[in-house]
Protein backbone atom coordinates (compact mmCIF):
# COMPACT_ATOMS: atom_id res chain seq x y z
CA UNK A 1 -35.00 -102.10 -71.72
CA UNK A 2 -37.87 -100.70 -73.78
CA UNK A 3 -37.57 -97.13 -75.03
CA UNK A 4 -40.21 -94.73 -76.25
CA UNK A 5 -39.38 -92.82 -79.42
CA UNK A 6 -40.75 -89.26 -79.35
CA UNK A 7 -41.10 -87.47 -82.69
CA UNK A 8 -41.57 -83.72 -83.03
CA UNK A 9 -42.47 -82.50 -86.52
CA UNK A 10 -41.39 -79.06 -87.76
CA UNK A 11 -43.41 -77.17 -90.40
CA UNK A 12 -43.81 -73.67 -91.81
CA UNK A 13 -40.58 -73.15 -93.75
CA UNK A 14 -38.93 -74.00 -97.04
CA UNK A 15 -37.77 -77.62 -96.97
CA UNK A 16 -40.36 -78.69 -94.37
CA UNK A 17 -41.18 -80.98 -92.75
CA UNK A 18 -38.30 -81.54 -90.36
CA UNK A 19 -38.16 -83.97 -87.46
CA UNK A 20 -36.62 -84.02 -83.99
CA UNK A 21 -36.40 -87.45 -82.33
CA UNK A 22 -35.91 -88.02 -78.60
CA UNK A 23 -35.97 -91.10 -76.37
CA UNK A 24 -37.25 -91.91 -72.90
CA UNK A 25 -37.77 -95.04 -70.88
CA UNK A 26 -41.19 -96.60 -71.40
CA UNK A 27 -42.91 -94.54 -68.72
CA UNK A 28 -45.96 -92.30 -68.56
CA UNK A 29 -45.81 -88.66 -67.53
CA UNK A 30 -43.31 -87.44 -70.11
CA UNK A 31 -45.77 -85.40 -72.24
CA UNK A 32 -46.04 -82.61 -69.67
CA UNK A 33 -42.28 -82.12 -69.48
CA UNK A 34 -41.98 -82.35 -73.28
CA UNK A 35 -44.73 -79.75 -73.69
CA UNK A 36 -42.97 -77.35 -71.32
CA UNK A 37 -39.70 -77.76 -73.20
CA UNK A 38 -41.12 -77.20 -76.69
CA UNK A 39 -43.25 -74.28 -75.52
CA UNK A 40 -40.08 -72.59 -74.25
CA UNK A 41 -38.31 -73.31 -77.54
CA UNK A 42 -41.16 -71.60 -79.43
CA UNK A 43 -39.99 -68.25 -78.05
CA UNK A 44 -36.94 -68.48 -80.31
CA UNK A 45 -38.28 -70.10 -83.50
CA UNK A 46 -39.64 -67.84 -86.26
CA UNK A 47 -43.23 -66.66 -86.32
CA UNK A 48 -45.22 -69.17 -88.36
CA UNK A 49 -42.90 -72.13 -87.73
CA UNK A 50 -44.85 -74.87 -85.94
CA UNK A 51 -43.48 -77.75 -83.88
CA UNK A 52 -45.89 -80.62 -83.19
CA UNK A 53 -45.18 -83.24 -80.55
CA UNK A 54 -46.92 -86.40 -81.65
CA UNK A 55 -49.01 -88.26 -79.09
CA UNK A 56 -48.01 -91.70 -80.34
CA UNK A 57 -44.82 -93.43 -81.38
CA UNK A 58 -42.84 -96.64 -81.49
CA UNK A 59 -41.63 -98.70 -78.57
CA UNK A 60 -38.10 -99.95 -79.24
CA UNK A 61 -36.00 -102.72 -77.74
CA UNK A 62 -32.79 -100.83 -77.01
CA UNK A 63 -30.62 -103.93 -77.43
CA UNK A 64 -31.85 -104.92 -80.91
CA UNK A 65 -33.29 -101.66 -82.25
CA UNK A 66 -36.47 -103.48 -83.28
CA UNK A 67 -39.92 -102.03 -82.69
CA UNK A 68 -41.88 -103.92 -80.05
CA UNK A 69 -45.13 -101.98 -80.07
CA UNK A 70 -46.74 -98.56 -80.05
CA UNK A 71 -47.33 -96.14 -77.18
CA UNK A 72 -50.14 -93.56 -77.00
CA UNK A 73 -50.37 -90.64 -74.62
CA UNK A 74 -52.40 -87.46 -74.19
CA UNK A 75 -53.38 -85.16 -77.06
CA UNK A 76 -50.50 -83.99 -79.22
CA UNK A 77 -49.24 -80.44 -78.76
CA UNK A 78 -48.42 -77.84 -81.39
CA UNK A 79 -46.38 -74.72 -80.67
CA UNK A 80 -46.13 -71.77 -83.07
CA UNK A 81 -42.93 -69.75 -82.96
CA UNK A 82 -42.99 -66.13 -81.90
CA UNK A 83 -39.46 -64.98 -82.83
CA UNK A 84 -39.00 -61.98 -85.11
CA UNK A 85 -36.73 -60.95 -87.96
CA UNK A 86 -35.56 -62.53 -91.20
CA UNK A 87 -34.17 -66.03 -90.82
CA UNK A 88 -32.59 -69.01 -92.56
CA UNK A 89 -34.47 -72.29 -92.78
CA UNK A 90 -31.24 -74.30 -92.48
CA UNK A 91 -29.53 -72.74 -89.44
CA UNK A 92 -30.09 -72.52 -85.72
CA UNK A 93 -28.87 -73.96 -82.42
CA UNK A 94 -27.68 -77.38 -81.30
CA UNK A 95 -28.40 -78.94 -77.91
CA UNK A 96 -25.80 -81.53 -76.91
CA UNK A 97 -26.98 -84.13 -74.41
CA UNK A 98 -23.91 -85.49 -72.59
CA UNK A 99 -23.79 -88.77 -70.67
CA UNK A 100 -21.17 -90.35 -68.42
CA UNK A 101 -20.93 -93.37 -70.75
CA UNK A 102 -18.16 -94.26 -73.20
CA UNK A 103 -18.11 -96.89 -75.94
CA UNK A 104 -14.84 -97.74 -77.69
CA UNK A 105 -13.28 -94.64 -76.15
CA UNK A 106 -15.99 -92.27 -77.41
CA UNK A 107 -18.56 -90.50 -75.28
CA UNK A 108 -22.17 -91.48 -75.80
CA UNK A 109 -23.97 -88.23 -76.51
CA UNK A 110 -27.01 -87.02 -78.37
CA UNK A 111 -27.98 -83.86 -80.22
CA UNK A 112 -31.21 -81.99 -80.82
CA UNK A 113 -31.10 -79.30 -83.49
CA UNK A 114 -33.28 -76.23 -82.93
CA UNK A 115 -33.53 -75.21 -86.56
CA UNK A 116 -34.65 -72.72 -87.70
CA UNK A 117 -34.11 -69.92 -85.20
CA UNK A 118 -35.62 -66.46 -85.60
CA UNK A 119 -33.46 -63.61 -86.86
CA UNK A 120 -33.59 -61.73 -83.56
CA UNK A 121 -31.86 -64.63 -81.75
CA UNK A 122 -28.48 -63.92 -83.37
CA UNK A 123 -25.68 -61.65 -82.16
CA UNK A 124 -24.00 -58.85 -84.09
CA UNK A 125 -21.07 -61.15 -84.93
CA UNK A 126 -23.14 -63.92 -86.51
CA UNK A 127 -23.50 -66.37 -83.65
CA UNK A 128 -26.45 -67.11 -81.40
CA UNK A 129 -26.77 -64.50 -78.67
CA UNK A 130 -25.56 -65.71 -75.30
CA UNK A 131 -28.94 -64.79 -73.79
CA UNK A 132 -30.78 -67.07 -76.22
CA UNK A 133 -28.22 -69.90 -75.97
CA UNK A 134 -28.49 -69.79 -72.17
CA UNK A 135 -32.30 -69.78 -72.33
CA UNK A 136 -32.37 -72.83 -74.63
CA UNK A 137 -29.87 -74.58 -72.37
CA UNK A 138 -32.04 -73.80 -69.34
CA UNK A 139 -35.12 -75.24 -71.08
CA UNK A 140 -33.18 -78.38 -71.99
CA UNK A 141 -31.77 -78.72 -68.50
CA UNK A 142 -35.25 -78.33 -67.02
CA UNK A 143 -36.40 -81.21 -69.24
CA UNK A 144 -33.48 -83.31 -68.00
CA UNK A 145 -34.35 -82.54 -64.38
CA UNK A 146 -38.08 -83.17 -64.88
CA UNK A 147 -37.56 -86.58 -66.48
CA UNK A 148 -34.46 -87.58 -64.53
CA UNK A 149 -33.12 -91.03 -65.44
CA UNK A 150 -35.98 -91.52 -67.90
CA UNK A 151 -34.60 -89.10 -70.52
CA UNK A 152 -32.11 -91.17 -72.51
CA UNK A 153 -29.46 -91.11 -75.20
CA UNK A 154 -29.64 -94.30 -77.25
CA UNK A 155 -26.45 -95.92 -78.57
CA UNK A 156 -27.79 -98.09 -81.38
CA UNK A 157 -26.72 -101.71 -81.84
CA UNK A 158 -23.77 -102.30 -84.18
CA UNK A 159 -23.27 -105.42 -86.29
CA UNK A 160 -19.48 -105.23 -86.15
CA UNK A 161 -16.85 -104.69 -88.81
CA UNK A 162 -14.01 -106.85 -90.07
CA UNK A 163 -10.53 -105.39 -90.42
CA UNK A 164 -9.58 -104.19 -93.88
CA UNK A 165 -6.28 -103.19 -95.43
CA UNK A 166 -2.79 -103.68 -94.05
CA UNK A 167 -1.88 -102.54 -90.50
CA UNK A 168 0.36 -99.48 -90.57
CA UNK A 169 -0.59 -98.61 -94.14
CA UNK A 170 -2.92 -95.83 -95.38
CA UNK A 171 -6.54 -96.88 -95.50
CA UNK A 172 -6.23 -99.56 -92.83
CA UNK A 173 -9.36 -100.02 -90.75
CA UNK A 174 -9.20 -102.18 -87.62
CA UNK A 175 -11.94 -104.62 -86.73
CA UNK A 176 -14.73 -103.35 -84.51
CA UNK A 177 -16.67 -105.96 -82.50
CA UNK A 178 -20.43 -106.18 -82.63
CA UNK A 179 -22.36 -104.72 -79.70
CA UNK A 180 -25.93 -104.57 -78.51
CA UNK A 181 -27.74 -101.28 -78.16
CA UNK A 182 -27.72 -99.46 -74.84
CA UNK A 183 -29.29 -96.29 -73.49
CA UNK A 184 -27.92 -93.85 -70.95
CA UNK A 185 -29.29 -91.06 -68.76
CA UNK A 186 -28.18 -87.51 -69.50
CA UNK A 187 -25.63 -86.00 -67.14
CA UNK A 188 -25.22 -82.46 -68.52
CA UNK A 189 -26.62 -80.25 -71.27
CA UNK A 190 -24.66 -77.76 -73.39
CA UNK A 191 -25.79 -75.16 -75.96
CA UNK A 192 -23.01 -73.18 -77.63
CA UNK A 193 -23.35 -69.76 -79.23
CA UNK A 194 -21.89 -71.09 -82.47
CA UNK A 195 -24.72 -71.73 -84.92
CA UNK A 196 -25.54 -75.13 -86.42
CA UNK A 197 -26.41 -75.81 -90.06
CA UNK A 198 -28.53 -78.80 -91.13
CA UNK A 199 -27.96 -80.67 -94.37
CA UNK A 200 -30.98 -82.88 -93.71
CA UNK A 201 -34.40 -82.20 -92.24
CA UNK A 202 -34.40 -85.58 -90.47
CA UNK A 203 -32.14 -84.67 -87.50
């Protein structure tokens, strides 16, 4: 299957730019749903912080991870945040995109970090207010519904790993077989009130 890689660039804060990366099937029609989602998110990002959804990106073979071409859609969209209050450039919310898929006993899931968030989005005890967390979750869920099976979480291909060390001894690592990349539709969306902190602006 061919995937489209969607890149949203964040600017307007110390440490910028930052990037959010999402994946869909290689279909048209996604820009409208993406625009609606990022416009809703702009209500909670600080005034002056700008998110720009690019109107072009790579096509990727999900099995190999190699680029197969470039897609181009309608004009890119920029959204300027409108949230108020002092804020931290490194902290905000995390959207977790759950799937019904498991690989080697672990759920395939994705994350989109909404960082930074405006100061007025936080509660008196230091977390994200439940009202804001619910609103971000609603925006994310609306994106999931709008795109249906076309919004994907990509499990990248893995070259495999040989066993190392001695079984039963500290430091032992079992072998992990190689696997091709796969992508999965999103089943549920969760946004917690606990804040997220980024160490990198490439998440």
